[in-house]
Amino acid sequence: MTLPTLTAVQVLLHQGMRAQGVGKAEPARRLGWHMPQVDRVLDINHHSRSDQMDAALRALGCRLTVEVTNPA
């Protein structure tokens, strides 16, 4: 099963937070965001912008890279 790109990034964000033992308040503090903004980037039913996802991952010390491959 292949997840939509945004959903996959949101899952990676969740996993990164869990791996670091970080709750939602910590990314909010690091980014200067309000809690509802963090809730939205973590909500798979919300279509967050890629720059917001990138910022949230960077707040955890992660870097988002994208690769496109052509089918053989």
N, C-alpha and C. Protein backbone atom coordinates (compact mmCIF):
# COMPACT_ATOMS: atom_id res chain seq x y z
N MET A 1 0.85 -1.18 0.00
CA MET A 1 0.00 0.00 0.00
C MET A 1 0.89 1.25 0.00
N THR A 2 0.56 2.19 -0.81
CA THR A 2 1.29 3.44 -0.90
C THR A 2 0.44 4.56 -0.31
N LEU A 3 1.03 5.30 0.62
CA LEU A 3 0.32 6.43 1.22
C LEU A 3 0.50 7.66 0.35
N PRO A 4 -0.48 8.57 0.38
CA PRO A 4 -0.28 9.86 -0.28
C PRO A 4 0.93 10.55 0.36
N THR A 5 1.63 11.35 -0.40
CA THR A 5 2.87 11.97 0.06
C THR A 5 2.68 12.75 1.36
N LEU A 6 1.66 13.60 1.43
CA LEU A 6 1.44 14.40 2.63
C LEU A 6 1.19 13.51 3.84
N THR A 7 0.39 12.47 3.67
CA THR A 7 0.10 11.56 4.77
C THR A 7 1.38 10.87 5.25
N ALA A 8 2.23 10.46 4.31
CA ALA A 8 3.49 9.81 4.66
C ALA A 8 4.37 10.76 5.47
N VAL A 9 4.41 12.03 5.08
CA VAL A 9 5.22 13.01 5.81
C VAL A 9 4.64 13.22 7.21
N GLN A 10 3.31 13.26 7.33
CA GLN A 10 2.69 13.42 8.64
C GLN A 10 3.01 12.22 9.54
N VAL A 11 3.00 11.03 8.97
CA VAL A 11 3.36 9.83 9.74
C VAL A 11 4.81 9.92 10.21
N LEU A 12 5.69 10.36 9.32
CA LEU A 12 7.10 10.52 9.70
C LEU A 12 7.26 11.56 10.81
N LEU A 13 6.48 12.61 10.77
CA LEU A 13 6.52 13.63 11.81
C LEU A 13 6.09 13.03 13.15
N HIS A 14 5.00 12.27 13.14
CA HIS A 14 4.53 11.59 14.35
C HIS A 14 5.62 10.67 14.89
N GLN A 15 6.23 9.87 14.01
CA GLN A 15 7.26 8.93 14.42
C GLN A 15 8.47 9.66 15.00
N GLY A 16 8.86 10.76 14.38
CA GLY A 16 9.98 11.53 14.89
C GLY A 16 9.72 12.09 16.27
N MET A 17 8.50 12.57 16.49
CA MET A 17 8.13 13.09 17.79
C MET A 17 8.16 11.99 18.84
N ARG A 18 7.62 10.82 18.50
CA ARG A 18 7.61 9.70 19.45
C ARG A 18 9.03 9.24 19.76
N ALA A 19 9.87 9.16 18.72
CA ALA A 19 11.24 8.70 18.90
C ALA A 19 12.02 9.63 19.84
N GLN A 20 11.71 10.91 19.79
CA GLN A 20 12.40 11.89 20.63
C GLN A 20 11.69 12.12 21.96
N GLY A 21 10.54 11.48 22.15
CA GLY A 21 9.78 11.68 23.37
C GLY A 21 9.23 13.08 23.50
N VAL A 22 8.88 13.67 22.35
CA VAL A 22 8.42 15.05 22.28
C VAL A 22 6.91 15.08 22.09
N GLY A 23 6.23 15.89 22.88
CA GLY A 23 4.80 16.10 22.72
C GLY A 23 4.53 17.25 21.76
N LYS A 24 3.27 17.57 21.59
CA LYS A 24 2.89 18.63 20.66
C LYS A 24 3.34 20.02 21.11
N ALA A 25 3.49 20.21 22.39
CA ALA A 25 3.87 21.53 22.91
C ALA A 25 5.30 21.91 22.49
N GLU A 26 6.18 20.93 22.39
CA GLU A 26 7.57 21.24 22.07
C GLU A 26 7.74 21.78 20.65
N PRO A 27 7.17 21.14 19.61
CA PRO A 27 7.27 21.75 18.27
C PRO A 27 6.61 23.14 18.23
N ALA A 28 5.52 23.31 18.96
CA ALA A 28 4.86 24.63 19.00
C ALA A 28 5.82 25.66 19.57
N ARG A 29 6.51 25.32 20.64
CA ARG A 29 7.46 26.25 21.26
C ARG A 29 8.61 26.54 20.31
N ARG A 30 9.18 25.50 19.70
CA ARG A 30 10.33 25.68 18.82
C ARG A 30 9.99 26.50 17.57
N LEU A 31 8.76 26.37 17.09
CA LEU A 31 8.35 27.04 15.86
C LEU A 31 7.65 28.38 16.11
N GLY A 32 7.28 28.64 17.37
CA GLY A 32 6.52 29.85 17.66
C GLY A 32 5.09 29.75 17.15
N TRP A 33 4.57 28.52 17.10
CA TRP A 33 3.21 28.27 16.62
C TRP A 33 2.27 28.11 17.81
N HIS A 34 0.99 28.32 17.55
CA HIS A 34 -0.06 28.02 18.51
C HIS A 34 -0.39 26.54 18.40
N MET A 35 -0.92 25.96 19.46
CA MET A 35 -1.23 24.52 19.47
C MET A 35 -2.15 24.09 18.32
N PRO A 36 -3.17 24.88 17.94
CA PRO A 36 -4.00 24.44 16.82
C PRO A 36 -3.21 24.27 15.52
N GLN A 37 -2.15 25.05 15.34
CA GLN A 37 -1.32 24.91 14.14
C GLN A 37 -0.60 23.56 14.16
N VAL A 38 -0.10 23.17 15.31
CA VAL A 38 0.56 21.86 15.44
C VAL A 38 -0.47 20.75 15.23
N ASP A 39 -1.65 20.91 15.81
CA ASP A 39 -2.70 19.91 15.61
C ASP A 39 -3.01 19.72 14.13
N ARG A 40 -3.04 20.82 13.39
CA ARG A 40 -3.36 20.72 11.96
C ARG A 40 -2.27 20.00 11.17
N VAL A 41 -0.99 20.28 11.45
CA VAL A 41 0.05 19.59 10.68
C VAL A 41 0.10 18.10 11.01
N LEU A 42 -0.42 17.71 12.18
CA LEU A 42 -0.44 16.29 12.56
C LEU A 42 -1.73 15.58 12.13
N ASP A 43 -2.72 16.33 11.69
CA ASP A 43 -4.03 15.78 11.32
C ASP A 43 -4.01 15.29 9.88
N ILE A 44 -4.16 13.97 9.69
CA ILE A 44 -4.12 13.42 8.32
C ILE A 44 -5.33 13.84 7.49
N ASN A 45 -6.35 14.38 8.13
CA ASN A 45 -7.51 14.88 7.38
C ASN A 45 -7.36 16.34 6.98
N HIS A 46 -6.27 16.96 7.42
CA HIS A 46 -6.00 18.35 7.07
C HIS A 46 -4.88 18.39 6.05
N HIS A 47 -5.04 19.18 5.03
CA HIS A 47 -4.04 19.27 3.96
C HIS A 47 -3.08 20.42 4.25
N SER A 48 -2.05 20.11 5.04
CA SER A 48 -1.04 21.11 5.39
C SER A 48 -0.17 21.42 4.19
N ARG A 49 0.40 22.61 4.19
CA ARG A 49 1.32 23.00 3.13
C ARG A 49 2.67 22.33 3.36
N SER A 50 3.37 22.09 2.27
CA SER A 50 4.66 21.41 2.38
C SER A 50 5.67 22.24 3.18
N ASP A 51 5.60 23.57 3.10
CA ASP A 51 6.53 24.38 3.88
C ASP A 51 6.28 24.26 5.38
N GLN A 52 5.03 24.05 5.76
CA GLN A 52 4.70 23.84 7.17
C GLN A 52 5.24 22.49 7.65
N MET A 53 5.09 21.48 6.81
CA MET A 53 5.58 20.15 7.16
C MET A 53 7.11 20.18 7.26
N ASP A 54 7.75 20.87 6.34
CA ASP A 54 9.20 20.98 6.34
C ASP A 54 9.67 21.68 7.62
N ALA A 55 9.01 22.75 8.00
CA ALA A 55 9.37 23.48 9.22
C ALA A 55 9.19 22.60 10.46
N ALA A 56 8.09 21.85 10.51
CA ALA A 56 7.84 20.98 11.66
C ALA A 56 8.92 19.90 11.77
N LEU A 57 9.31 19.32 10.65
CA LEU A 57 10.37 18.32 10.67
C LEU A 57 11.71 18.94 11.07
N ARG A 58 12.01 20.12 10.55
CA ARG A 58 13.26 20.80 10.92
C ARG A 58 13.30 21.10 12.41
N ALA A 59 12.16 21.40 13.01
CA ALA A 59 12.10 21.67 14.45
C ALA A 59 12.51 20.44 15.25
N LEU A 60 12.40 19.27 14.64
CA LEU A 60 12.81 18.02 15.29
C LEU A 60 14.22 17.62 14.88
N GLY A 61 14.87 18.47 14.08
CA GLY A 61 16.22 18.15 13.63
C GLY A 61 16.25 17.24 12.41
N CYS A 62 15.12 17.13 11.71
CA CYS A 62 15.01 16.27 10.53
C CYS A 62 15.01 17.15 9.27
N ARG A 63 15.32 16.53 8.16
CA ARG A 63 15.31 17.24 6.88
C ARG A 63 14.46 16.45 5.90
N LEU A 64 13.55 17.13 5.25
CA LEU A 64 12.68 16.50 4.25
C LEU A 64 13.33 16.57 2.89
N THR A 65 13.49 15.43 2.26
CA THR A 65 13.99 15.38 0.90
C THR A 65 12.97 14.64 0.04
N VAL A 66 12.91 15.01 -1.22
CA VAL A 66 11.95 14.41 -2.14
C VAL A 66 12.72 13.83 -3.31
N GLU A 67 12.33 12.65 -3.72
CA GLU A 67 12.98 11.99 -4.86
C GLU A 67 11.89 11.51 -5.82
N VAL A 68 12.09 11.78 -7.08
CA VAL A 68 11.16 11.32 -8.11
C VAL A 68 11.91 10.31 -8.96
N THR A 69 11.30 9.17 -9.17
CA THR A 69 11.91 8.16 -10.03
C THR A 69 10.95 7.82 -11.15
N ASN A 70 11.50 7.50 -12.29
CA ASN A 70 10.70 7.08 -13.43
C ASN A 70 10.56 5.57 -13.41
N PRO A 71 9.37 5.07 -13.70
CA PRO A 71 9.21 3.62 -13.71
C PRO A 71 10.05 3.01 -14.85
N ALA A 72 10.56 1.82 -14.60
CA ALA A 72 11.40 1.15 -15.61
C ALA A 72 10.56 0.57 -16.72
